[in-house]
Amino acid sequence: KERREMLEQIKNETRTIILYEAPHHLKKTLKE
């Protein structure tokens, strides 16, 4: 739930967004 909410915020964010990600989660995060 929190992840969906954060992705919705990112969708509407006008500033540049910085995220960290581990290699084993990268593919999933990029698709989301």
PDB file of all heavy atoms in Angstrom:
ATOM      1  N   LYS A   1       0.829  -1.204   0.000  1.00  0.00           N
ATOM      2  CA  LYS A   1       0.000   0.000   0.000  1.00  0.00           C
ATOM      3  C   LYS A   1       0.866   1.259   0.000  1.00  0.00           C
ATOM      4  O   LYS A   1       0.642   2.188  -0.785  1.00  0.00           O
ATOM      5  CB  LYS A   1      -0.930   0.005   1.207  1.00  0.00           C
ATOM      6  CG  LYS A   1      -1.845   1.223   1.251  1.00  0.00           C
ATOM      7  CD  LYS A   1      -2.738   1.204   2.482  1.00  0.00           C
ATOM      8  CE  LYS A   1      -3.603   2.465   2.545  1.00  0.00           C
ATOM      9  NZ  LYS A   1      -4.431   2.492   3.786  1.00  0.00           N
ATOM     10  N   GLU A   2       1.862   1.286   0.880  1.00  0.00           N
ATOM     11  CA  GLU A   2       2.757   2.446   0.949  1.00  0.00           C
ATOM     12  C   GLU A   2       3.525   2.613  -0.359  1.00  0.00           C
ATOM     13  O   GLU A   2       3.781   3.739  -0.810  1.00  0.00           O
ATOM     14  CB  GLU A   2       3.737   2.285   2.104  1.00  0.00           C
ATOM     15  CG  GLU A   2       3.092   2.364   3.482  1.00  0.00           C
ATOM     16  CD  GLU A   2       4.097   2.177   4.603  1.00  0.00           C
ATOM     17  OE1 GLU A   2       5.311   2.086   4.303  1.00  0.00           O
ATOM     18  OE2 GLU A   2       3.670   2.104   5.765  1.00  0.00           O
ATOM     19  N   ARG A   3       3.880   1.497  -0.969  1.00  0.00           N
ATOM     20  CA  ARG A   3       4.622   1.536  -2.232  1.00  0.00           C
ATOM     21  C   ARG A   3       3.769   2.151  -3.334  1.00  0.00           C
ATOM     22  O   ARG A   3       4.240   2.984  -4.107  1.00  0.00           O
ATOM     23  CB  ARG A   3       5.056   0.119  -2.606  1.00  0.00           C
ATOM     24  CG  ARG A   3       6.136   0.042  -3.676  1.00  0.00           C
ATOM     25  CD  ARG A   3       6.556  -1.408  -3.888  1.00  0.00           C
ATOM     26  NE  ARG A   3       7.605  -1.549  -4.866  1.00  0.00           N
ATOM     27  CZ  ARG A   3       8.905  -1.561  -4.584  1.00  0.00           C
ATOM     28  NH1 ARG A   3       9.313  -1.412  -3.335  1.00  0.00           N
ATOM     29  NH2 ARG A   3       9.817  -1.702  -5.536  1.00  0.00           N
ATOM     30  N   ARG A   4       2.494   1.736  -3.419  1.00  0.00           N
ATOM     31  CA  ARG A   4       1.582   2.300  -4.414  1.00  0.00           C
ATOM     32  C   ARG A   4       1.421   3.806  -4.217  1.00  0.00           C
ATOM     33  O   ARG A   4       1.409   4.580  -5.170  1.00  0.00           O
ATOM     34  CB  ARG A   4       0.213   1.615  -4.333  1.00  0.00           C
ATOM     35  CG  ARG A   4       0.161   0.229  -4.960  1.00  0.00           C
ATOM     36  CD  ARG A   4      -1.272  -0.224  -5.177  1.00  0.00           C
ATOM     37  NE  ARG A   4      -2.057  -0.226  -3.954  1.00  0.00           N
ATOM     38  CZ  ARG A   4      -2.164  -1.269  -3.135  1.00  0.00           C
ATOM     39  NH1 ARG A   4      -1.518  -2.395  -3.407  1.00  0.00           N
ATOM     40  NH2 ARG A   4      -2.902  -1.195  -2.041  1.00  0.00           N
ATOM     41  N   GLU A   5       1.291   4.212  -2.948  1.00  0.00           N
ATOM     42  CA  GLU A   5       1.131   5.632  -2.647  1.00  0.00           C
ATOM     43  C   GLU A   5       2.374   6.423  -3.056  1.00  0.00           C
ATOM     44  O   GLU A   5       2.274   7.530  -3.597  1.00  0.00           O
ATOM     45  CB  GLU A   5       0.844   5.821  -1.152  1.00  0.00           C
ATOM     46  CG  GLU A   5      -0.526   5.305  -0.729  1.00  0.00           C
ATOM     47  CD  GLU A   5      -0.723   5.340   0.772  1.00  0.00           C
ATOM     48  OE1 GLU A   5       0.275   5.580   1.501  1.00  0.00           O
ATOM     49  OE2 GLU A   5      -1.863   5.114   1.234  1.00  0.00           O
ATOM     50  N   MET A   6       3.555   5.852  -2.804  1.00  0.00           N
ATOM     51  CA  MET A   6       4.794   6.540  -3.172  1.00  0.00           C
ATOM     52  C   MET A   6       4.939   6.650  -4.683  1.00  0.00           C
ATOM     53  O   MET A   6       5.342   7.694  -5.213  1.00  0.00           O
ATOM     54  CB  MET A   6       6.002   5.796  -2.585  1.00  0.00           C
ATOM     55  CG  MET A   6       7.346   6.427  -2.937  1.00  0.00           C
ATOM     56  SD  MET A   6       7.472   8.143  -2.401  1.00  0.00           S
ATOM     57  CE  MET A   6       7.485   7.914  -0.619  1.00  0.00           C
ATOM     58  N   LEU A   7       4.587   5.597  -5.403  1.00  0.00           N
ATOM     59  CA  LEU A   7       4.654   5.633  -6.861  1.00  0.00           C
ATOM     60  C   LEU A   7       3.693   6.675  -7.434  1.00  0.00           C
ATOM     61  O   LEU A   7       3.998   7.341  -8.426  1.00  0.00           O
ATOM     62  CB  LEU A   7       4.348   4.251  -7.436  1.00  0.00           C
ATOM     63  CG  LEU A   7       5.473   3.210  -7.256  1.00  0.00           C
ATOM     64  CD1 LEU A   7       4.953   1.810  -7.532  1.00  0.00           C
ATOM     65  CD2 LEU A   7       6.655   3.528  -8.170  1.00  0.00           C
ATOM     66  N   GLU A   8       2.537   6.840  -6.793  1.00  0.00           N
ATOM     67  CA  GLU A   8       1.578   7.853  -7.224  1.00  0.00           C
ATOM     68  C   GLU A   8       2.151   9.254  -7.000  1.00  0.00           C
ATOM     69  O   GLU A   8       1.977  10.152  -7.837  1.00  0.00           O
ATOM     70  CB  GLU A   8       0.264   7.695  -6.464  1.00  0.00           C
ATOM     71  CG  GLU A   8      -0.860   8.604  -6.933  1.00  0.00           C
ATOM     72  CD  GLU A   8      -1.291   8.356  -8.367  1.00  0.00           C
ATOM     73  OE1 GLU A   8      -1.109   7.226  -8.866  1.00  0.00           O
ATOM     74  OE2 GLU A   8      -1.812   9.312  -8.998  1.00  0.00           O
ATOM     75  N   GLN A   9       2.854   9.435  -5.889  1.00  0.00           N
ATOM     76  CA  GLN A   9       3.500  10.721  -5.625  1.00  0.00           C
ATOM     77  C   GLN A   9       4.596  11.003  -6.652  1.00  0.00           C
ATOM     78  O   GLN A   9       4.740  12.127  -7.141  1.00  0.00           O
ATOM     79  CB  GLN A   9       4.083  10.727  -4.219  1.00  0.00           C
ATOM     80  CG  GLN A   9       3.049  10.747  -3.105  1.00  0.00           C
ATOM     81  CD  GLN A   9       3.680  10.696  -1.724  1.00  0.00           C
ATOM     82  OE1 GLN A   9       4.783  11.178  -1.519  1.00  0.00           O
ATOM     83  NE2 GLN A   9       2.987  10.093  -0.781  1.00  0.00           N
ATOM     84  N   ILE A  10       5.362   9.966  -6.983  1.00  0.00           N
ATOM     85  CA  ILE A  10       6.425  10.111  -7.977  1.00  0.00           C
ATOM     86  C   ILE A  10       5.838  10.476  -9.330  1.00  0.00           C
ATOM     87  O   ILE A  10       6.398  11.302 -10.069  1.00  0.00           O
ATOM     88  CB  ILE A  10       7.255   8.807  -8.059  1.00  0.00           C
ATOM     89  CG1 ILE A  10       8.124   8.667  -6.797  1.00  0.00           C
ATOM     90  CG2 ILE A  10       8.131   8.789  -9.308  1.00  0.00           C
ATOM     91  CD1 ILE A  10       8.841   7.340  -6.688  1.00  0.00           C
ATOM     92  N   LYS A  11       4.702   9.888  -9.664  1.00  0.00           N
ATOM     93  CA  LYS A  11       4.030  10.174 -10.926  1.00  0.00           C
ATOM     94  C   LYS A  11       3.757  11.665 -11.091  1.00  0.00           C
ATOM     95  O   LYS A  11       3.873  12.220 -12.189  1.00  0.00           O
ATOM     96  CB  LYS A  11       2.721   9.392 -10.992  1.00  0.00           C
ATOM     97  CG  LYS A  11       1.861   9.684 -12.212  1.00  0.00           C
ATOM     98  CD  LYS A  11       0.558   8.910 -12.142  1.00  0.00           C
ATOM     99  CE  LYS A  11      -0.351   9.246 -13.317  1.00  0.00           C
ATOM    100  NZ  LYS A  11      -1.639   8.509 -13.237  1.00  0.00           N
ATOM    101  N   ASN A  12       3.393  12.326 -10.009  1.00  0.00           N
ATOM    102  CA  ASN A  12       3.003  13.734 -10.067  1.00  0.00           C
ATOM    103  C   ASN A  12       4.085  14.700  -9.588  1.00  0.00           C
ATOM    104  O   ASN A  12       3.855  15.900  -9.541  1.00  0.00           O
ATOM    105  CB  ASN A  12       1.724  13.943  -9.247  1.00  0.00           C
ATOM    106  CG  ASN A  12       0.550  13.181  -9.828  1.00  0.00           C
ATOM    107  OD1 ASN A  12       0.213  13.344 -10.986  1.00  0.00           O
ATOM    108  ND2 ASN A  12      -0.066  12.315  -9.025  1.00  0.00           N
ATOM    109  N   GLU A  13       5.261  14.178  -9.236  1.00  0.00           N
ATOM    110  CA  GLU A  13       6.344  15.005  -8.712  1.00  0.00           C
ATOM    111  C   GLU A  13       6.989  15.818  -9.830  1.00  0.00           C
ATOM    112  O   GLU A  13       7.366  15.280 -10.874  1.00  0.00           O
ATOM    113  CB  GLU A  13       7.395  14.106  -8.043  1.00  0.00           C
ATOM    114  CG  GLU A  13       8.589  14.847  -7.484  1.00  0.00           C
ATOM    115  CD  GLU A  13       8.194  15.860  -6.430  1.00  0.00           C
ATOM    116  OE1 GLU A  13       7.736  15.445  -5.358  1.00  0.00           O
ATOM    117  OE2 GLU A  13       8.344  17.075  -6.715  1.00  0.00           O
ATOM    118  N   THR A  14       7.126  17.133  -9.622  1.00  0.00           N
ATOM    119  CA  THR A  14       7.756  17.989 -10.628  1.00  0.00           C
ATOM    120  C   THR A  14       9.257  18.173 -10.390  1.00  0.00           C
ATOM    121  O   THR A  14       9.961  18.657 -11.271  1.00  0.00           O
ATOM    122  CB  THR A  14       7.076  19.373 -10.658  1.00  0.00           C
ATOM    123  OG1 THR A  14       7.163  19.966  -9.354  1.00  0.00           O
ATOM    124  CG2 THR A  14       5.617  19.244 -11.056  1.00  0.00           C
ATOM    125  N   ARG A  15       9.732  17.791  -9.214  1.00  0.00           N
ATOM    126  CA  ARG A  15      11.167  17.878  -8.932  1.00  0.00           C
ATOM    127  C   ARG A  15      11.873  16.601  -9.416  1.00  0.00           C
ATOM    128  O   ARG A  15      11.246  15.561  -9.607  1.00  0.00           O
ATOM    129  CB  ARG A  15      11.399  18.046  -7.428  1.00  0.00           C
ATOM    130  CG  ARG A  15      10.861  19.337  -6.857  1.00  0.00           C
ATOM    131  CD  ARG A  15      10.872  19.334  -5.344  1.00  0.00           C
ATOM    132  NE  ARG A  15       9.943  18.348  -4.802  1.00  0.00           N
ATOM    133  CZ  ARG A  15       9.732  18.153  -3.500  1.00  0.00           C
ATOM    134  NH1 ARG A  15      10.394  18.876  -2.608  1.00  0.00           N
ATOM    135  NH2 ARG A  15       8.875  17.247  -3.092  1.00  0.00           N
ATOM    136  N   THR A  16      13.172  16.657  -9.601  1.00  0.00           N
ATOM    137  CA  THR A  16      13.958  15.470  -9.903  1.00  0.00           C
ATOM    138  C   THR A  16      13.892  14.524  -8.706  1.00  0.00           C
ATOM    139  O   THR A  16      13.991  14.955  -7.560  1.00  0.00           O
ATOM    140  CB  THR A  16      15.416  15.856 -10.202  1.00  0.00           C
ATOM    141  OG1 THR A  16      15.441  16.740 -11.327  1.00  0.00           O
ATOM    142  CG2 THR A  16      16.267  14.645 -10.501  1.00  0.00           C
ATOM    143  N   ILE A  17      13.717  13.234  -8.977  1.00  0.00           N
ATOM    144  CA  ILE A  17      13.528  12.244  -7.913  1.00  0.00           C
ATOM    145  C   ILE A  17      14.761  11.354  -7.804  1.00  0.00           C
ATOM    146  O   ILE A  17      15.280  10.865  -8.821  1.00  0.00           O
ATOM    147  CB  ILE A  17      12.293  11.364  -8.194  1.00  0.00           C
ATOM    148  CG1 ILE A  17      11.044  12.238  -8.381  1.00  0.00           C
ATOM    149  CG2 ILE A  17      12.072  10.344  -7.089  1.00  0.00           C
ATOM    150  CD1 ILE A  17      10.378  12.062  -9.711  1.00  0.00           C
ATOM    151  N   ILE A  18      15.235  11.122  -6.580  1.00  0.00           N
ATOM    152  CA  ILE A  18      16.393  10.258  -6.340  1.00  0.00           C
ATOM    153  C   ILE A  18      15.945   9.042  -5.537  1.00  0.00           C
ATOM    154  O   ILE A  18      15.350   9.171  -4.470  1.00  0.00           O
ATOM    155  CB  ILE A  18      17.503  10.994  -5.575  1.00  0.00           C
ATOM    156  CG1 ILE A  18      17.873  12.302  -6.277  1.00  0.00           C
ATOM    157  CG2 ILE A  18      18.730  10.089  -5.421  1.00  0.00           C
ATOM    158  CD1 ILE A  18      18.859  13.152  -5.493  1.00  0.00           C
ATOM    159  N   LEU A  19      16.247   7.850  -6.066  1.00  0.00           N
ATOM    160  CA  LEU A  19      15.921   6.601  -5.382  1.00  0.00           C
ATOM    161  C   LEU A  19      17.167   5.734  -5.264  1.00  0.00           C
ATOM    162  O   LEU A  19      18.052   5.777  -6.136  1.00  0.00           O
ATOM    163  CB  LEU A  19      14.867   5.804  -6.161  1.00  0.00           C
ATOM    164  CG  LEU A  19      13.476   6.404  -6.347  1.00  0.00           C
ATOM    165  CD1 LEU A  19      12.650   5.481  -7.245  1.00  0.00           C
ATOM    166  CD2 LEU A  19      12.779   6.590  -5.013  1.00  0.00           C
ATOM    167  N   TYR A  20      17.235   4.930  -4.217  1.00  0.00           N
ATOM    168  CA  TYR A  20      18.252   3.887  -4.098  1.00  0.00           C
ATOM    169  C   TYR A  20      17.600   2.555  -4.462  1.00  0.00           C
ATOM    170  O   TYR A  20      16.405   2.359  -4.221  1.00  0.00           O
ATOM    171  CB  TYR A  20      18.775   3.788  -2.662  1.00  0.00           C
ATOM    172  CG  TYR A  20      19.678   4.918  -2.225  1.00  0.00           C
ATOM    173  CD1 TYR A  20      19.914   5.143  -0.871  1.00  0.00           C
ATOM    174  CD2 TYR A  20      20.316   5.751  -3.133  1.00  0.00           C
ATOM    175  CE1 TYR A  20      20.739   6.163  -0.442  1.00  0.00           C
ATOM    176  CE2 TYR A  20      21.145   6.776  -2.717  1.00  0.00           C
ATOM    177  CZ  TYR A  20      21.358   6.977  -1.361  1.00  0.00           C
ATOM    178  OH  TYR A  20      22.183   7.990  -0.941  1.00  0.00           O
ATOM    179  N   GLU A  21      18.392   1.631  -5.011  1.00  0.00           N
ATOM    180  CA  GLU A  21      17.848   0.299  -5.250  1.00  0.00           C
ATOM    181  C   GLU A  21      18.952  -0.753  -5.251  1.00  0.00           C
ATOM    182  O   GLU A  21      20.065  -0.498  -5.730  1.00  0.00           O
ATOM    183  CB  GLU A  21      17.076   0.249  -6.578  1.00  0.00           C
ATOM    184  CG  GLU A  21      16.209  -0.985  -6.725  1.00  0.00           C
ATOM    185  CD  GLU A  21      15.332  -1.247  -5.492  1.00  0.00           C
ATOM    186  OE1 GLU A  21      15.837  -1.874  -4.534  1.00  0.00           O
ATOM    187  OE2 GLU A  21      14.170  -0.817  -5.492  1.00  0.00           O
ATOM    188  N   ALA A  22      18.619  -1.916  -4.705  1.00  0.00           N
ATOM    189  CA  ALA A  22      19.527  -3.062  -4.695  1.00  0.00           C
ATOM    190  C   ALA A  22      19.390  -3.822  -6.011  1.00  0.00           C
ATOM    191  O   ALA A  22      18.330  -3.771  -6.656  1.00  0.00           O
ATOM    192  CB  ALA A  22      19.194  -3.973  -3.521  1.00  0.00           C
ATOM    193  N   PRO A  23      20.432  -4.540  -6.421  1.00  0.00           N
ATOM    194  CA  PRO A  23      20.389  -5.207  -7.733  1.00  0.00           C
ATOM    195  C   PRO A  23      19.250  -6.216  -7.886  1.00  0.00           C
ATOM    196  O   PRO A  23      18.650  -6.318  -8.961  1.00  0.00           O
ATOM    197  CB  PRO A  23      21.759  -5.891  -7.823  1.00  0.00           C
ATOM    198  CG  PRO A  23      22.282  -5.930  -6.427  1.00  0.00           C
ATOM    199  CD  PRO A  23      21.720  -4.732  -5.745  1.00  0.00           C
ATOM    200  N   HIS A  24      18.923  -6.951  -6.827  1.00  0.00           N
ATOM    201  CA  HIS A  24      17.895  -7.988  -6.937  1.00  0.00           C
ATOM    202  C   HIS A  24      16.471  -7.426  -6.995  1.00  0.00           C
ATOM    203  O   HIS A  24      15.532  -8.171  -7.240  1.00  0.00           O
ATOM    204  CB  HIS A  24      18.018  -8.994  -5.790  1.00  0.00           C
ATOM    205  CG  HIS A  24      18.013  -8.383  -4.424  1.00  0.00           C
ATOM    206  ND1 HIS A  24      19.090  -7.698  -3.923  1.00  0.00           N
ATOM    207  CD2 HIS A  24      17.064  -8.361  -3.456  1.00  0.00           C
ATOM    208  CE1 HIS A  24      18.818  -7.277  -2.706  1.00  0.00           C
ATOM    209  NE2 HIS A  24      17.597  -7.657  -2.397  1.00  0.00           N
ATOM    210  N   HIS A  25      16.312  -6.111  -6.779  1.00  0.00           N
ATOM    211  CA  HIS A  25      14.995  -5.484  -6.886  1.00  0.00           C
ATOM    212  C   HIS A  25      14.897  -4.507  -8.060  1.00  0.00           C
ATOM    213  O   HIS A  25      13.831  -3.949  -8.310  1.00  0.00           O
ATOM    214  CB  HIS A  25      14.676  -4.713  -5.595  1.00  0.00           C
ATOM    215  CG  HIS A  25      14.403  -5.589  -4.419  1.00  0.00           C
ATOM    216  ND1 HIS A  25      14.750  -5.241  -3.119  1.00  0.00           N
ATOM    217  CD2 HIS A  25      13.811  -6.809  -4.334  1.00  0.00           C
ATOM    218  CE1 HIS A  25      14.391  -6.203  -2.299  1.00  0.00           C
ATOM    219  NE2 HIS A  25      13.826  -7.164  -3.019  1.00  0.00           N
ATOM    220  N   LEU A  26      16.005  -4.301  -8.766  1.00  0.00           N
ATOM    221  CA  LEU A  26      16.046  -3.244  -9.775  1.00  0.00           C
ATOM    222  C   LEU A  26      15.029  -3.452 -10.899  1.00  0.00           C
ATOM    223  O   LEU A  26      14.309  -2.523 -11.282  1.00  0.00           O
ATOM    224  CB  LEU A  26      17.454  -3.124 -10.366  1.00  0.00           C
ATOM    225  CG  LEU A  26      17.609  -2.015 -11.413  1.00  0.00           C
ATOM    226  CD1 LEU A  26      17.452  -0.641 -10.767  1.00  0.00           C
ATOM    227  CD2 LEU A  26      18.958  -2.125 -12.128  1.00  0.00           C
ATOM    228  N   LYS A  27      14.948  -4.658 -11.441  1.00  0.00           N
ATOM    229  CA  LYS A  27      14.037  -4.910 -12.562  1.00  0.00           C
ATOM    230  C   LYS A  27      12.589  -4.608 -12.173  1.00  0.00           C
ATOM    231  O   LYS A  27      11.854  -3.959 -12.922  1.00  0.00           O
ATOM    232  CB  LYS A  27      14.159  -6.359 -13.022  1.00  0.00           C
ATOM    233  CG  LYS A  27      15.475  -6.694 -13.710  1.00  0.00           C
ATOM    234  CD  LYS A  27      15.469  -8.116 -14.220  1.00  0.00           C
ATOM    235  CE  LYS A  27      16.760  -8.475 -14.916  1.00  0.00           C
ATOM    236  NZ  LYS A  27      16.742  -9.857 -15.456  1.00  0.00           N
ATOM    237  N   LYS A  28      12.185  -5.072 -10.989  1.00  0.00           N
ATOM    238  CA  LYS A  28      10.816  -4.849 -10.525  1.00  0.00           C
ATOM    239  C   LYS A  28      10.539  -3.357 -10.352  1.00  0.00           C
ATOM    240  O   LYS A  28       9.494  -2.851 -10.785  1.00  0.00           O
ATOM    241  CB  LYS A  28      10.589  -5.565  -9.198  1.00  0.00           C
ATOM    242  CG  LYS A  28       9.224  -5.289  -8.579  1.00  0.00           C
ATOM    243  CD  LYS A  28       9.111  -5.904  -7.184  1.00  0.00           C
ATOM    244  CE  LYS A  28       7.786  -5.526  -6.531  1.00  0.00           C
ATOM    245  NZ  LYS A  28       7.699  -6.034  -5.135  1.00  0.00           N
ATOM    246  N   THR A  29      11.486  -2.647  -9.753  1.00  0.00           N
ATOM    247  CA  THR A  29      11.303  -1.214  -9.506  1.00  0.00           C
ATOM    248  C   THR A  29      11.197  -0.431 -10.812  1.00  0.00           C
ATOM    249  O   THR A  29      10.355   0.458 -10.952  1.00  0.00           O
ATOM    250  CB  THR A  29      12.456  -0.677  -8.642  1.00  0.00           C
ATOM    251  OG1 THR A  29      12.398  -1.307  -7.357  1.00  0.00           O
ATOM    252  CG2 THR A  29      12.354   0.829  -8.454  1.00  0.00           C
ATOM    253  N   LEU A  30      12.036  -0.749 -11.780  1.00  0.00           N
ATOM    254  CA  LEU A  30      11.985  -0.059 -13.071  1.00  0.00           C
ATOM    255  C   LEU A  30      10.635  -0.286 -13.760  1.00  0.00           C
ATOM    256  O   LEU A  30      10.058   0.644 -14.342  1.00  0.00           O
ATOM    257  CB  LEU A  30      13.126  -0.523 -13.976  1.00  0.00           C
ATOM    258  CG  LEU A  30      14.528  -0.052 -13.599  1.00  0.00           C
ATOM    259  CD1 LEU A  30      15.572  -0.700 -14.492  1.00  0.00           C
ATOM    260  CD2 LEU A  30      14.641   1.474 -13.670  1.00  0.00           C
ATOM    261  N   LYS A  31      10.117  -1.504 -13.698  1.00  0.00           N
ATOM    262  CA  LYS A  31       8.818  -1.798 -14.306  1.00  0.00           C
ATOM    263  C   LYS A  31       7.696  -1.031 -13.606  1.00  0.00           C
ATOM    264  O   LYS A  31       6.770  -0.523 -14.251  1.00  0.00           O
ATOM    265  CB  LYS A  31       8.544  -3.300 -14.258  1.00  0.00           C
ATOM    266  CG  LYS A  31       9.398  -4.094 -15.240  1.00  0.00           C
ATOM    267  CD  LYS A  31       9.127  -5.591 -15.135  1.00  0.00           C
ATOM    268  CE  LYS A  31       9.998  -6.366 -16.124  1.00  0.00           C
ATOM    269  NZ  LYS A  31       9.788  -7.833 -15.997  1.00  0.00           N
ATOM    270  N   GLU A  32       7.772  -0.932 -12.269  1.00  0.00           N
ATOM    271  CA  GLU A  32       6.752  -0.185 -11.518  1.00  0.00           C
ATOM    272  C   GLU A  32       6.812   1.306 -11.850  1.00  0.00           C
ATOM    273  O   GLU A  32       5.778   1.968 -11.979  1.00  0.00           O
ATOM    274  CB  GLU A  32       6.944  -0.411 -10.013  1.00  0.00           C
ATOM    275  CG  GLU A  32       6.566  -1.806  -9.563  1.00  0.00           C
ATOM    276  CD  GLU A  32       6.853  -2.024  -8.093  1.00  0.00           C
ATOM    277  OE1 GLU A  32       7.874  -1.495  -7.589  1.00  0.00           O
ATOM    278  OE2 GLU A  32       6.074  -2.725  -7.435  1.00  0.00           O
TER     279      GLU A  32
END
